[in-house]
């Protein structure tokens, strides 16, 4: 199998039906594992969001500060509203 071929792909040129079936099964199992591995997918998404936020903060520090304050205000209002609804 080629090193640049994704793990979920079946290589071309397999003529033996048994080997082809094994390759397809292996690719299907890897695809299922990739899809079902929620912690791994969450970690990747978190890493991408962190990189994106850092790049935004490097390009626009004042915009990043405003976004952080806005997010804090939104979370504060959400918590305040939830507590207010709960205590009534």
C-alpha atoms as a PDB file:
ATOM      1  CA  UNK A   1       0.000   0.000   0.000  1.00  0.00           C
ATOM      2  CA  UNK A   2       1.326   3.449  -0.884  1.00  0.00           C
ATOM      3  CA  UNK A   3       2.234   5.781   1.969  1.00  0.00           C
ATOM      4  CA  UNK A   4       0.376   8.729   0.389  1.00  0.00           C
ATOM      5  CA  UNK A   5      -2.844   6.702   0.046  1.00  0.00           C
ATOM      6  CA  UNK A   6      -5.429   7.462   2.765  1.00  0.00           C
ATOM      7  CA  UNK A   7      -6.089   4.642   5.210  1.00  0.00           C
ATOM      8  CA  UNK A   8      -9.745   4.558   4.140  1.00  0.00           C
ATOM      9  CA  UNK A   9      -8.951   4.028   0.446  1.00  0.00           C
ATOM     10  CA  UNK A  10      -8.639   0.751  -1.425  1.00  0.00           C
ATOM     11  CA  UNK A  11      -5.542   0.604  -3.628  1.00  0.00           C
ATOM     12  CA  UNK A  12      -6.045   0.128  -7.351  1.00  0.00           C
ATOM     13  CA  UNK A  13      -4.651  -2.836  -9.215  1.00  0.00           C
ATOM     14  CA  UNK A  14      -5.615  -5.628  -6.832  1.00  0.00           C
ATOM     15  CA  UNK A  15      -6.684  -8.470  -9.101  1.00  0.00           C
ATOM     16  CA  UNK A  16      -7.130 -11.242  -6.538  1.00  0.00           C
ATOM     17  CA  UNK A  17     -10.782 -11.117  -5.341  1.00  0.00           C
ATOM     18  CA  UNK A  18      -9.841 -12.299  -1.849  1.00  0.00           C
ATOM     19  CA  UNK A  19      -7.136  -9.654  -1.446  1.00  0.00           C
ATOM     20  CA  UNK A  20      -9.503  -7.009  -2.832  1.00  0.00           C
ATOM     21  CA  UNK A  21     -12.215  -8.051  -0.343  1.00  0.00           C
ATOM     22  CA  UNK A  22      -9.680  -7.876   2.506  1.00  0.00           C
ATOM     23  CA  UNK A  23      -8.536  -4.430   1.411  1.00  0.00           C
ATOM     24  CA  UNK A  24     -12.144  -3.212   1.172  1.00  0.00           C
ATOM     25  CA  UNK A  25     -12.965  -4.650   4.606  1.00  0.00           C
ATOM     26  CA  UNK A  26      -9.881  -3.037   6.120  1.00  0.00           C
ATOM     27  CA  UNK A  27     -10.764   0.328   4.558  1.00  0.00           C
ATOM     28  CA  UNK A  28     -14.374   0.044   5.758  1.00  0.00           C
ATOM     29  CA  UNK A  29     -13.294  -0.778   9.315  1.00  0.00           C
ATOM     30  CA  UNK A  30     -10.874   2.148   9.381  1.00  0.00           C
ATOM     31  CA  UNK A  31     -13.601   4.467   8.064  1.00  0.00           C
ATOM     32  CA  UNK A  32     -15.998   3.266  10.771  1.00  0.00           C
ATOM     33  CA  UNK A  33     -13.335   3.787  13.422  1.00  0.00           C
ATOM     34  CA  UNK A  34     -12.629   7.310  12.172  1.00  0.00           C
ATOM     35  CA  UNK A  35     -16.343   8.163  12.150  1.00  0.00           C
ATOM     36  CA  UNK A  36     -17.089   6.642  15.567  1.00  0.00           C
ATOM     37  CA  UNK A  37     -14.062   7.993  17.431  1.00  0.00           C
ATOM     38  CA  UNK A  38     -15.750  11.066  18.909  1.00  0.00           C
ATOM     39  CA  UNK A  39     -12.907  12.063  21.289  1.00  0.00           C
ATOM     40  CA  UNK A  40     -10.388  12.052  18.430  1.00  0.00           C
ATOM     41  CA  UNK A  41     -12.706  14.082  16.190  1.00  0.00           C
ATOM     42  CA  UNK A  42     -13.390  16.532  19.033  1.00  0.00           C
ATOM     43  CA  UNK A  43      -9.673  16.962  19.687  1.00  0.00           C
ATOM     44  CA  UNK A  44      -9.046  17.691  15.997  1.00  0.00           C
ATOM     45  CA  UNK A  45     -11.879  20.237  15.867  1.00  0.00           C
ATOM     46  CA  UNK A  46     -10.644  21.904  19.059  1.00  0.00           C
ATOM     47  CA  UNK A  47      -7.110  22.104  17.677  1.00  0.00           C
ATOM     48  CA  UNK A  48      -8.388  23.666  14.437  1.00  0.00           C
ATOM     49  CA  UNK A  49     -10.452  26.213  16.403  1.00  0.00           C
ATOM     50  CA  UNK A  50      -7.458  27.123  18.573  1.00  0.00           C
ATOM     51  CA  UNK A  51      -5.245  27.667  15.531  1.00  0.00           C
ATOM     52  CA  UNK A  52      -7.949  29.751  13.875  1.00  0.00           C
ATOM     53  CA  UNK A  53      -8.466  31.866  17.012  1.00  0.00           C
ATOM     54  CA  UNK A  54      -4.725  32.450  17.399  1.00  0.00           C
ATOM     55  CA  UNK A  55      -4.404  33.481  13.753  1.00  0.00           C
ATOM     56  CA  UNK A  56      -7.345  35.868  14.161  1.00  0.00           C
ATOM     57  CA  UNK A  57      -5.823  37.321  17.345  1.00  0.00           C
ATOM     58  CA  UNK A  58      -2.485  37.810  15.581  1.00  0.00           C
ATOM     59  CA  UNK A  59      -4.150  39.600  12.645  1.00  0.00           C
ATOM     60  CA  UNK A  60      -6.638  41.632  14.656  1.00  0.00           C
ATOM     61  CA  UNK A  61      -5.834  41.939  18.392  1.00  0.00           C
ATOM     62  CA  UNK A  62      -8.539  44.500  19.138  1.00  0.00           C
ATOM     63  CA  UNK A  63     -11.154  42.408  17.323  1.00  0.00           C
ATOM     64  CA  UNK A  64     -10.084  39.367  19.323  1.00  0.00           C
ATOM     65  CA  UNK A  65     -10.407  41.317  22.568  1.00  0.00           C
ATOM     66  CA  UNK A  66     -13.879  42.525  21.577  1.00  0.00           C
ATOM     67  CA  UNK A  67     -14.881  38.968  20.637  1.00  0.00           C
ATOM     68  CA  UNK A  68     -13.619  37.657  23.995  1.00  0.00           C
ATOM     69  CA  UNK A  69     -15.546  40.314  25.920  1.00  0.00           C
ATOM     70  CA  UNK A  70     -18.653  39.629  23.836  1.00  0.00           C
ATOM     71  CA  UNK A  71     -18.397  35.888  24.487  1.00  0.00           C
ATOM     72  CA  UNK A  72     -17.952  36.503  28.224  1.00  0.00           C
ATOM     73  CA  UNK A  73     -20.987  38.796  28.279  1.00  0.00           C
ATOM     74  CA  UNK A  74     -23.060  36.247  26.365  1.00  0.00           C
ATOM     75  CA  UNK A  75     -22.108  33.433  28.751  1.00  0.00           C
ATOM     76  CA  UNK A  76     -22.764  35.668  31.743  1.00  0.00           C
ATOM     77  CA  UNK A  77     -26.207  36.615  30.453  1.00  0.00           C
ATOM     78  CA  UNK A  78     -27.008  32.983  29.712  1.00  0.00           C
ATOM     79  CA  UNK A  79     -26.047  31.907  33.239  1.00  0.00           C
ATOM     80  CA  UNK A  80     -27.871  34.847  34.788  1.00  0.00           C
ATOM     81  CA  UNK A  81     -31.018  34.037  32.803  1.00  0.00           C
ATOM     82  CA  UNK A  82     -30.877  30.360  33.725  1.00  0.00           C
ATOM     83  CA  UNK A  83     -30.444  31.129  37.420  1.00  0.00           C
ATOM     84  CA  UNK A  84     -33.241  33.690  37.272  1.00  0.00           C
ATOM     85  CA  UNK A  85     -35.603  31.172  35.650  1.00  0.00           C
ATOM     86  CA  UNK A  86     -34.627  28.509  38.188  1.00  0.00           C
ATOM     87  CA  UNK A  87     -35.192  30.747  41.223  1.00  0.00           C
ATOM     88  CA  UNK A  88     -38.634  31.910  40.135  1.00  0.00           C
END
